[in-house]
């Protein structure tokens, strides 16, 4: 299933890029994320608790950041296993463009769900996948804009030209 969307974020491209690479920010943005550890270079391990229709599961999985074209685009790729509930995997191609004093973040998400979760029906699964993607990027926007307004931990850092 494929989903597309965008967010206008009131922060510089550099700030948004740095936030995409920050595990503390990512943990706060993934709905239901209980734990996220690791590094950009080695990948992240995550524990996420989600309820999809009548099925509630704890997913243990990984998140990798790939195809980095600093500071223009990257791919977030994740997968998780929820035991008898099934599995979820997907990726999001994220592109950043300077726009109106901020950053336009475009995303193109592709996801797959299998096992018991897949038996719930395409309408429930489609709605859930769209909500997860929208929630992640809405949470991300809020995290970046909040950090910027508070002078938080994500300073604008110079990014070398490619």
C-alpha atoms as a PDB file:
ATOM      1  CA  UNK A   1       0.000   0.000   0.000  1.00  0.00           C
ATOM      2  CA  UNK A   2       1.350   3.407  -0.950  1.00  0.00           C
ATOM      3  CA  UNK A   3       0.690   6.728   0.762  1.00  0.00           C
ATOM      4  CA  UNK A   4       1.915  10.214  -0.065  1.00  0.00           C
ATOM      5  CA  UNK A   5       1.771  13.458   1.846  1.00  0.00           C
ATOM      6  CA  UNK A   6       3.695  16.497   3.006  1.00  0.00           C
ATOM      7  CA  UNK A   7       4.220  18.825   5.938  1.00  0.00           C
ATOM      8  CA  UNK A   8       5.384  22.425   5.944  1.00  0.00           C
ATOM      9  CA  UNK A   9       7.751  22.757   8.911  1.00  0.00           C
ATOM     10  CA  UNK A  10       8.707  26.150  10.330  1.00  0.00           C
ATOM     11  CA  UNK A  11      12.417  25.316  10.533  1.00  0.00           C
ATOM     12  CA  UNK A  12      15.434  25.326   8.261  1.00  0.00           C
ATOM     13  CA  UNK A  13      16.242  22.372   6.022  1.00  0.00           C
ATOM     14  CA  UNK A  14      19.335  21.749   8.160  1.00  0.00           C
ATOM     15  CA  UNK A  15      17.301  21.579  11.375  1.00  0.00           C
ATOM     16  CA  UNK A  16      14.785  19.212   9.786  1.00  0.00           C
ATOM     17  CA  UNK A  17      17.586  17.019   8.383  1.00  0.00           C
ATOM     18  CA  UNK A  18      19.296  16.804  11.771  1.00  0.00           C
ATOM     19  CA  UNK A  19      16.000  15.865  13.436  1.00  0.00           C
ATOM     20  CA  UNK A  20      15.469  13.027  10.933  1.00  0.00           C
ATOM     21  CA  UNK A  21      18.780  11.562  12.121  1.00  0.00           C
ATOM     22  CA  UNK A  22      18.122  12.042  15.857  1.00  0.00           C
ATOM     23  CA  UNK A  23      16.987   8.823  17.623  1.00  0.00           C
ATOM     24  CA  UNK A  24      15.364  10.787  20.484  1.00  0.00           C
ATOM     25  CA  UNK A  25      13.204  12.693  17.987  1.00  0.00           C
ATOM     26  CA  UNK A  26      12.338   9.542  16.013  1.00  0.00           C
ATOM     27  CA  UNK A  27      11.292   7.725  19.217  1.00  0.00           C
ATOM     28  CA  UNK A  28       8.878  10.541  20.074  1.00  0.00           C
ATOM     29  CA  UNK A  29       7.407  10.514  16.569  1.00  0.00           C
ATOM     30  CA  UNK A  30       6.686   6.802  16.060  1.00  0.00           C
ATOM     31  CA  UNK A  31       3.201   6.168  17.473  1.00  0.00           C
ATOM     32  CA  UNK A  32       3.375   3.549  20.232  1.00  0.00           C
ATOM     33  CA  UNK A  33       7.181   3.467  20.339  1.00  0.00           C
ATOM     34  CA  UNK A  34       8.292   2.158  23.728  1.00  0.00           C
ATOM     35  CA  UNK A  35      12.014   1.911  23.000  1.00  0.00           C
ATOM     36  CA  UNK A  36      14.419   2.986  20.260  1.00  0.00           C
ATOM     37  CA  UNK A  37      18.154   2.441  20.460  1.00  0.00           C
ATOM     38  CA  UNK A  38      21.057   2.419  18.041  1.00  0.00           C
ATOM     39  CA  UNK A  39      22.744   4.770  15.617  1.00  0.00           C
ATOM     40  CA  UNK A  40      22.225   6.105  12.115  1.00  0.00           C
ATOM     41  CA  UNK A  41      25.232   4.115  10.864  1.00  0.00           C
ATOM     42  CA  UNK A  42      24.301   0.792  12.481  1.00  0.00           C
ATOM     43  CA  UNK A  43      20.521   1.105  12.404  1.00  0.00           C
ATOM     44  CA  UNK A  44      18.025   1.231  15.230  1.00  0.00           C
ATOM     45  CA  UNK A  45      16.201  -1.446  17.210  1.00  0.00           C
ATOM     46  CA  UNK A  46      12.681  -0.592  18.262  1.00  0.00           C
ATOM     47  CA  UNK A  47       9.771  -1.859  20.338  1.00  0.00           C
ATOM     48  CA  UNK A  48       6.374  -0.549  19.267  1.00  0.00           C
ATOM     49  CA  UNK A  49       2.963  -1.387  20.752  1.00  0.00           C
ATOM     50  CA  UNK A  50       0.022  -0.956  18.392  1.00  0.00           C
ATOM     51  CA  UNK A  51      -3.644  -1.857  18.239  1.00  0.00           C
ATOM     52  CA  UNK A  52      -5.075  -2.487  14.788  1.00  0.00           C
ATOM     53  CA  UNK A  53      -8.790  -3.144  14.960  1.00  0.00           C
ATOM     54  CA  UNK A  54      -9.214  -5.907  17.564  1.00  0.00           C
ATOM     55  CA  UNK A  55      -5.555  -6.990  17.389  1.00  0.00           C
ATOM     56  CA  UNK A  56      -3.061  -5.512  19.842  1.00  0.00           C
ATOM     57  CA  UNK A  57       0.563  -6.490  19.447  1.00  0.00           C
ATOM     58  CA  UNK A  58       4.069  -5.621  20.530  1.00  0.00           C
ATOM     59  CA  UNK A  59       6.331  -5.355  17.523  1.00  0.00           C
ATOM     60  CA  UNK A  60      10.069  -5.853  17.861  1.00  0.00           C
ATOM     61  CA  UNK A  61      11.934  -4.635  14.847  1.00  0.00           C
ATOM     62  CA  UNK A  62      14.451  -2.424  13.191  1.00  0.00           C
ATOM     63  CA  UNK A  63      14.665   0.965  11.536  1.00  0.00           C
ATOM     64  CA  UNK A  64      17.364   1.910   9.057  1.00  0.00           C
ATOM     65  CA  UNK A  65      18.175   5.203   7.390  1.00  0.00           C
ATOM     66  CA  UNK A  66      19.296   4.648   3.813  1.00  0.00           C
ATOM     67  CA  UNK A  67      19.904   6.433   0.517  1.00  0.00           C
ATOM     68  CA  UNK A  68      20.984   9.648   2.241  1.00  0.00           C
ATOM     69  CA  UNK A  69      21.444  12.618  -0.084  1.00  0.00           C
ATOM     70  CA  UNK A  70      22.331  15.213   2.557  1.00  0.00           C
ATOM     71  CA  UNK A  71      20.302  17.404   3.188  1.00  0.00           C
ATOM     72  CA  UNK A  72      17.806  16.713   0.406  1.00  0.00           C
ATOM     73  CA  UNK A  73      16.423  13.222   0.896  1.00  0.00           C
ATOM     74  CA  UNK A  74      16.652   9.891   2.654  1.00  0.00           C
ATOM     75  CA  UNK A  75      14.734   6.676   3.071  1.00  0.00           C
ATOM     76  CA  UNK A  76      13.474   5.392   6.420  1.00  0.00           C
ATOM     77  CA  UNK A  77      13.073   1.593   6.223  1.00  0.00           C
ATOM     78  CA  UNK A  78      11.517  -0.393   9.036  1.00  0.00           C
ATOM     79  CA  UNK A  79      10.186  -3.808   9.815  1.00  0.00           C
ATOM     80  CA  UNK A  80       8.705  -5.424  12.870  1.00  0.00           C
ATOM     81  CA  UNK A  81       7.436  -8.788  13.998  1.00  0.00           C
ATOM     82  CA  UNK A  82       4.420  -8.950  16.262  1.00  0.00           C
ATOM     83  CA  UNK A  83       4.459 -12.706  16.902  1.00  0.00           C
ATOM     84  CA  UNK A  84       1.104 -14.350  16.214  1.00  0.00           C
ATOM     85  CA  UNK A  85      -0.357 -10.964  15.209  1.00  0.00           C
ATOM     86  CA  UNK A  86       1.881 -10.913  12.153  1.00  0.00           C
ATOM     87  CA  UNK A  87       4.420  -8.527  10.717  1.00  0.00           C
ATOM     88  CA  UNK A  88       4.651  -5.018   9.370  1.00  0.00           C
ATOM     89  CA  UNK A  89       7.299  -3.565   7.109  1.00  0.00           C
ATOM     90  CA  UNK A  90       7.659  -0.506   5.029  1.00  0.00           C
ATOM     91  CA  UNK A  91       9.701   2.426   3.911  1.00  0.00           C
ATOM     92  CA  UNK A  92       9.269   6.152   3.532  1.00  0.00           C
ATOM     93  CA  UNK A  93      11.162   8.231   0.998  1.00  0.00           C
ATOM     94  CA  UNK A  94      11.499  11.680   2.575  1.00  0.00           C
ATOM     95  CA  UNK A  95      12.453  14.775   0.551  1.00  0.00           C
ATOM     96  CA  UNK A  96      13.228  18.231   1.937  1.00  0.00           C
ATOM     97  CA  UNK A  97      12.904  21.518   0.067  1.00  0.00           C
ATOM     98  CA  UNK A  98      13.389  25.052   1.397  1.00  0.00           C
ATOM     99  CA  UNK A  99      10.051  26.865   1.136  1.00  0.00           C
ATOM    100  CA  UNK A 100       8.631  30.124   2.533  1.00  0.00           C
ATOM    101  CA  UNK A 101      11.205  30.503   5.306  1.00  0.00           C
ATOM    102  CA  UNK A 102      10.772  26.875   6.362  1.00  0.00           C
ATOM    103  CA  UNK A 103      10.979  23.398   4.897  1.00  0.00           C
ATOM    104  CA  UNK A 104       8.546  21.383   2.812  1.00  0.00           C
ATOM    105  CA  UNK A 105       8.862  17.726   3.804  1.00  0.00           C
ATOM    106  CA  UNK A 106       7.363  15.376   1.193  1.00  0.00           C
ATOM    107  CA  UNK A 107       6.924  11.700   1.980  1.00  0.00           C
ATOM    108  CA  UNK A 108       6.078   8.644  -0.060  1.00  0.00           C
ATOM    109  CA  UNK A 109       5.327   5.621   2.127  1.00  0.00           C
ATOM    110  CA  UNK A 110       5.081   2.006   1.026  1.00  0.00           C
ATOM    111  CA  UNK A 111       3.941  -0.556   3.614  1.00  0.00           C
ATOM    112  CA  UNK A 112       3.059  -4.234   3.893  1.00  0.00           C
ATOM    113  CA  UNK A 113       1.314  -6.138   6.650  1.00  0.00           C
ATOM    114  CA  UNK A 114       1.002  -9.903   6.970  1.00  0.00           C
ATOM    115  CA  UNK A 115      -0.296 -12.581   9.308  1.00  0.00           C
ATOM    116  CA  UNK A 116      -3.388 -12.056  11.447  1.00  0.00           C
ATOM    117  CA  UNK A 117      -3.225  -8.326  10.778  1.00  0.00           C
ATOM    118  CA  UNK A 118      -3.692  -8.895   7.049  1.00  0.00           C
ATOM    119  CA  UNK A 119      -6.925 -10.790   7.744  1.00  0.00           C
ATOM    120  CA  UNK A 120      -8.589  -7.660   9.129  1.00  0.00           C
ATOM    121  CA  UNK A 121      -9.498  -6.399   5.691  1.00  0.00           C
ATOM    122  CA  UNK A 122      -8.014  -3.829   3.390  1.00  0.00           C
ATOM    123  CA  UNK A 123     -10.191  -0.945   4.593  1.00  0.00           C
ATOM    124  CA  UNK A 124      -9.055  -1.300   8.227  1.00  0.00           C
ATOM    125  CA  UNK A 125      -5.423  -1.842   7.212  1.00  0.00           C
ATOM    126  CA  UNK A 126      -5.431   1.082   4.756  1.00  0.00           C
ATOM    127  CA  UNK A 127      -6.898   3.388   7.379  1.00  0.00           C
ATOM    128  CA  UNK A 128      -4.388   2.231   9.978  1.00  0.00           C
ATOM    129  CA  UNK A 129      -1.391   2.645   7.648  1.00  0.00           C
ATOM    130  CA  UNK A 130      -2.518   6.138   6.633  1.00  0.00           C
ATOM    131  CA  UNK A 131      -3.043   7.127  10.272  1.00  0.00           C
ATOM    132  CA  UNK A 132       0.407   5.807  11.279  1.00  0.00           C
ATOM    133  CA  UNK A 133       2.149   7.740   8.475  1.00  0.00           C
ATOM    134  CA  UNK A 134       0.162  10.927   9.107  1.00  0.00           C
ATOM    135  CA  UNK A 135       0.722  10.680  12.874  1.00  0.00           C
ATOM    136  CA  UNK A 136       4.466  10.112  12.462  1.00  0.00           C
ATOM    137  CA  UNK A 137       4.971  13.150  10.216  1.00  0.00           C
ATOM    138  CA  UNK A 138       2.584  15.349  12.252  1.00  0.00           C
ATOM    139  CA  UNK A 139       4.493  14.359  15.427  1.00  0.00           C
ATOM    140  CA  UNK A 140       7.763  15.043  13.620  1.00  0.00           C
ATOM    141  CA  UNK A 141       6.626  18.532  12.595  1.00  0.00           C
ATOM    142  CA  UNK A 142       5.580  19.278  16.185  1.00  0.00           C
ATOM    143  CA  UNK A 143       8.893  17.997  17.598  1.00  0.00           C
ATOM    144  CA  UNK A 144      11.022  20.054  15.197  1.00  0.00           C
ATOM    145  CA  UNK A 145       8.998  23.243  15.585  1.00  0.00           C
ATOM    146  CA  UNK A 146       8.846  22.856  19.384  1.00  0.00           C
ATOM    147  CA  UNK A 147      12.613  22.313  19.659  1.00  0.00           C
ATOM    148  CA  UNK A 148      13.230  25.339  17.460  1.00  0.00           C
ATOM    149  CA  UNK A 149      10.928  27.597  19.474  1.00  0.00           C
ATOM    150  CA  UNK A 150      12.504  26.558  22.769  1.00  0.00           C
ATOM    151  CA  UNK A 151      16.089  26.736  21.568  1.00  0.00           C
ATOM    152  CA  UNK A 152      16.210  22.988  22.211  1.00  0.00           C
ATOM    153  CA  UNK A 153      18.757  20.320  21.504  1.00  0.00           C
ATOM    154  CA  UNK A 154      18.698  20.395  17.698  1.00  0.00           C
ATOM    155  CA  UNK A 155      20.863  23.279  16.590  1.00  0.00           C
ATOM    156  CA  UNK A 156      21.161  24.268  12.959  1.00  0.00           C
ATOM    157  CA  UNK A 157      24.395  22.668  11.854  1.00  0.00           C
ATOM    158  CA  UNK A 158      26.301  23.490   8.718  1.00  0.00           C
ATOM    159  CA  UNK A 159      25.925  20.761   6.134  1.00  0.00           C
ATOM    160  CA  UNK A 160      28.657  20.474   3.525  1.00  0.00           C
ATOM    161  CA  UNK A 161      27.643  20.956  -0.082  1.00  0.00           C
ATOM    162  CA  UNK A 162      27.586  17.774  -2.136  1.00  0.00           C
END
